[in-house]
Amino acid sequence: MEQEIFTLFTKDITLQLSINQISKKLDKSYPYINKKVNELIEQEIFNKTKIGRSHLCSVNLRNDKARVLLMLNEIEKKERYLKKTNLLDKEKIFEITGAFNIFTILQSGQRLIFVLNYLNDKEAIKNKFPYIKKLDPEFFEMPDFKQEILSDKSIIKDHVILYSFEKYFEILQEIQKELLVNFSPIYAVQK
């Protein structure tokens, strides 16, 4: 049941739901969901924010178990994606990441995004792997990628991580507060 509850948050890690909302979405009894959600809060997998008499739950990206649960979901997404596409496969990804220092690679909608240590590697990547040019990739260094996420929520809602799940979630962990401020309806009311 914990995995089922957690899955609600995997499509949008900025999501904040009350226990009542979780029980309705899962069509389960409130007392049962309350018990399970409180276990996740006690394990610090979820953060809780008190709003009136309700608690809003969100994913705690600082918690190792929460990140592992997110990564398991992302691994399944990646496997499904790679079965459906012939643009990139595991071998090509391994070849690219073995040759260059890359933080993470993800597909977000039609965008193929590389987050690099050094932006000047982008031309070398395109030259060494000509098939990459055809995919029209976008390249970012870490600070610029963080800003891109904060300005475009679709990157965290509609993506497939092709390389380095852990680094992707480390990036999100570093900007989690800003994500909540930018994308949470609660903070939008306060702006």
Protein backbone atom coordinates (compact mmCIF):
# COMPACT_ATOMS: atom_id res chain seq x y z
CA MET A 1 0.00 0.00 0.00
CA GLU A 2 2.88 2.39 0.75
CA GLN A 3 4.11 2.02 -2.84
CA GLU A 4 0.60 2.72 -4.14
CA ILE A 5 0.42 5.89 -2.04
CA PHE A 6 3.89 6.95 -3.11
CA THR A 7 3.05 6.39 -6.79
CA LEU A 8 0.57 9.28 -6.62
CA PHE A 9 3.54 11.59 -6.14
CA THR A 10 5.86 10.14 -8.78
CA LYS A 11 4.21 11.96 -11.68
CA ASP A 12 4.67 15.31 -9.97
CA ILE A 13 7.12 15.50 -7.09
CA THR A 14 5.94 19.01 -6.24
CA LEU A 15 2.51 17.61 -5.43
CA GLN A 16 1.12 18.25 -1.95
CA LEU A 17 -1.90 16.20 -0.95
CA SER A 18 -3.90 15.91 2.23
CA ILE A 19 -4.53 12.47 3.69
CA ASN A 20 -8.18 12.87 2.72
CA GLN A 21 -7.21 13.60 -0.90
CA ILE A 22 -4.95 10.55 -0.95
CA SER A 23 -7.72 8.30 0.39
CA LYS A 24 -10.15 9.60 -2.25
CA LYS A 25 -7.68 9.20 -5.12
CA LEU A 26 -6.94 5.63 -4.06
CA ASP A 27 -10.57 4.91 -3.15
CA LYS A 28 -9.53 3.54 0.26
CA SER A 29 -10.84 4.26 3.73
CA TYR A 30 -9.51 7.36 5.47
CA PRO A 31 -8.41 5.58 8.70
CA TYR A 32 -6.40 3.02 6.74
CA ILE A 33 -4.71 5.65 4.54
CA ASN A 34 -4.13 7.89 7.57
CA LYS A 35 -2.24 5.07 9.28
CA LYS A 36 -0.13 4.29 6.21
CA VAL A 37 0.65 7.95 5.42
CA ASN A 38 1.68 8.57 9.02
CA GLU A 39 4.07 5.63 8.75
CA LEU A 40 5.61 7.28 5.67
CA ILE A 41 5.84 10.56 7.59
CA GLU A 42 7.49 8.80 10.56
CA GLN A 43 10.03 7.26 8.16
CA GLU A 44 10.55 10.80 6.79
CA ILE A 45 9.71 9.61 3.27
CA PHE A 46 7.02 12.29 3.27
CA ASN A 47 7.20 15.81 4.59
CA LYS A 48 4.09 17.15 6.26
CA THR A 49 2.89 20.72 6.28
CA LYS A 50 0.10 21.62 8.66
CA ILE A 51 -2.64 23.72 7.06
CA GLY A 52 -5.50 24.29 9.47
CA ARG A 53 -6.57 20.87 10.70
CA SER A 54 -5.11 19.07 7.69
CA HIS A 55 -1.64 17.84 6.92
CA LEU A 56 -0.36 18.21 3.38
CA CYS A 57 2.09 15.52 2.40
CA SER A 58 4.92 15.89 -0.09
CA VAL A 59 7.91 13.78 -1.09
CA ASN A 60 10.99 14.35 1.06
CA LEU A 61 13.84 14.37 -1.46
CA ARG A 62 16.36 14.49 1.39
CA ASN A 63 15.32 10.97 2.40
CA ASP A 64 17.27 8.10 0.84
CA LYS A 65 14.25 5.76 0.84
CA ALA A 66 12.12 8.34 -0.94
CA ARG A 67 14.76 8.81 -3.63
CA VAL A 68 15.12 5.04 -4.05
CA LEU A 69 11.35 4.67 -4.48
CA LEU A 70 11.42 7.45 -7.08
CA MET A 71 14.36 5.81 -8.84
CA LEU A 72 12.59 2.44 -9.04
CA ASN A 73 9.67 4.13 -10.75
CA GLU A 74 12.04 5.96 -13.12
CA ILE A 75 13.85 2.73 -14.03
CA GLU A 76 10.54 1.21 -15.12
CA LYS A 77 9.73 4.36 -17.15
CA LYS A 78 13.14 4.22 -18.83
CA GLU A 79 12.74 0.54 -19.76
CA ARG A 80 9.28 1.18 -21.26
CA TYR A 81 10.61 4.21 -23.16
CA LEU A 82 13.64 2.40 -24.59
CA LYS A 83 11.41 -0.44 -25.84
CA LYS A 84 9.26 2.08 -27.74
CA THR A 85 12.01 4.21 -29.30
CA ASN A 86 14.91 3.50 -31.58
CA LEU A 87 16.48 6.96 -31.19
CA LEU A 88 18.70 6.01 -28.27
CA ASP A 89 19.40 2.66 -26.67
CA LYS A 90 21.32 1.55 -23.59
CA GLU A 91 24.51 0.96 -25.60
CA LYS A 92 24.50 4.46 -27.12
CA ILE A 93 23.83 6.02 -23.72
CA PHE A 94 26.66 3.97 -22.18
CA GLU A 95 28.98 4.99 -25.02
CA ILE A 96 28.26 8.72 -24.56
CA THR A 97 28.43 8.70 -20.76
CA GLY A 98 31.65 6.69 -20.84
CA ALA A 99 33.35 9.32 -22.98
CA PHE A 100 32.19 12.50 -21.23
CA ASN A 101 31.48 13.77 -17.73
CA ILE A 102 27.68 14.02 -17.84
CA PHE A 103 25.49 14.61 -14.78
CA THR A 104 22.27 13.32 -16.27
CA ILE A 105 20.44 12.80 -19.56
CA LEU A 106 16.69 12.97 -19.87
CA GLN A 107 13.95 13.11 -22.44
CA SER A 108 11.29 15.68 -21.60
CA GLY A 109 8.49 15.73 -24.14
CA GLN A 110 10.31 16.24 -27.45
CA ARG A 111 13.42 17.62 -25.72
CA LEU A 112 16.59 15.56 -25.25
CA ILE A 113 18.46 17.25 -22.40
CA PHE A 114 22.08 16.74 -21.38
CA VAL A 115 23.30 18.24 -18.11
CA LEU A 116 27.07 18.57 -18.39
CA ASN A 117 29.96 19.42 -16.14
CA TYR A 118 31.36 21.66 -18.86
CA LEU A 119 29.17 23.22 -21.51
CA ASN A 120 32.11 23.29 -23.93
CA ASP A 121 31.78 19.46 -24.13
CA LYS A 122 28.60 19.87 -26.18
CA GLU A 123 30.38 20.29 -29.54
CA ALA A 124 32.70 17.39 -28.77
CA ILE A 125 29.70 15.17 -27.98
CA LYS A 126 27.97 16.15 -31.23
CA ASN A 127 31.18 15.57 -33.23
CA LYS A 128 32.06 12.23 -31.65
CA PHE A 129 28.47 10.92 -31.83
CA PRO A 130 26.92 12.29 -35.06
CA TYR A 131 23.56 10.56 -34.42
CA ILE A 132 23.13 12.92 -31.45
CA LYS A 133 22.95 15.93 -33.81
CA LYS A 134 19.85 14.44 -35.45
CA LEU A 135 18.11 14.34 -32.07
CA ASP A 136 18.53 18.11 -31.66
CA PRO A 137 19.76 17.91 -28.06
CA GLU A 138 19.85 20.74 -25.55
CA PHE A 139 22.86 21.12 -23.29
CA PHE A 140 22.96 22.75 -19.86
CA GLU A 141 25.44 23.21 -17.07
CA MET A 142 24.03 22.57 -13.60
CA PRO A 143 23.04 26.15 -12.61
CA ASP A 144 21.28 26.75 -15.93
CA PHE A 145 19.47 23.41 -15.74
CA LYS A 146 18.18 24.27 -12.27
CA GLN A 147 16.80 27.53 -13.63
CA GLU A 148 15.24 25.70 -16.56
CA ILE A 149 13.44 23.32 -14.18
CA LEU A 150 12.21 26.23 -12.07
CA SER A 151 10.79 27.94 -15.15
CA ASP A 152 9.36 24.87 -16.90
CA LYS A 153 7.49 22.37 -14.73
CA SER A 154 7.03 19.99 -17.67
CA ILE A 155 10.64 18.88 -17.17
CA ILE A 156 9.70 17.28 -13.85
CA LYS A 157 6.22 16.14 -14.87
CA ASP A 158 6.87 14.74 -18.35
CA HIS A 159 10.30 13.16 -18.48
CA VAL A 160 12.25 9.95 -18.77
CA ILE A 161 15.64 9.84 -17.09
CA LEU A 162 18.01 8.07 -19.47
CA TYR A 163 21.13 8.36 -17.36
CA SER A 164 21.93 8.94 -13.69
CA PHE A 165 18.70 8.81 -11.73
CA GLU A 166 20.48 9.67 -8.50
CA LYS A 167 22.07 12.84 -9.85
CA TYR A 168 18.74 13.98 -11.29
CA PHE A 169 17.08 13.66 -7.88
CA GLU A 170 20.04 15.32 -6.18
CA ILE A 171 19.45 18.31 -8.45
CA LEU A 172 15.77 18.37 -7.51
CA GLN A 173 16.64 18.00 -3.83
CA GLU A 174 18.84 21.10 -4.03
CA ILE A 175 15.96 23.18 -5.41
CA GLN A 176 13.02 21.49 -3.67
CA LYS A 177 12.01 24.59 -1.70
CA GLU A 178 12.05 26.74 -4.83
CA LEU A 179 10.02 24.08 -6.68
CA LEU A 180 7.34 24.17 -4.00
CA VAL A 181 7.26 27.97 -4.01
CA ASN A 182 7.05 28.10 -7.82
CA PHE A 183 4.60 25.28 -8.42
CA SER A 184 2.58 24.58 -5.27
CA PRO A 185 -0.97 25.98 -5.27
CA ILE A 186 -0.58 26.89 -1.58
CA TYR A 187 2.34 29.19 -2.28
CA ALA A 188 0.59 30.58 -5.37
CA VAL A 189 -2.23 31.83 -3.12
CA GLN A 190 0.31 33.59 -0.89
CA LYS A 191 2.13 35.37 -3.76
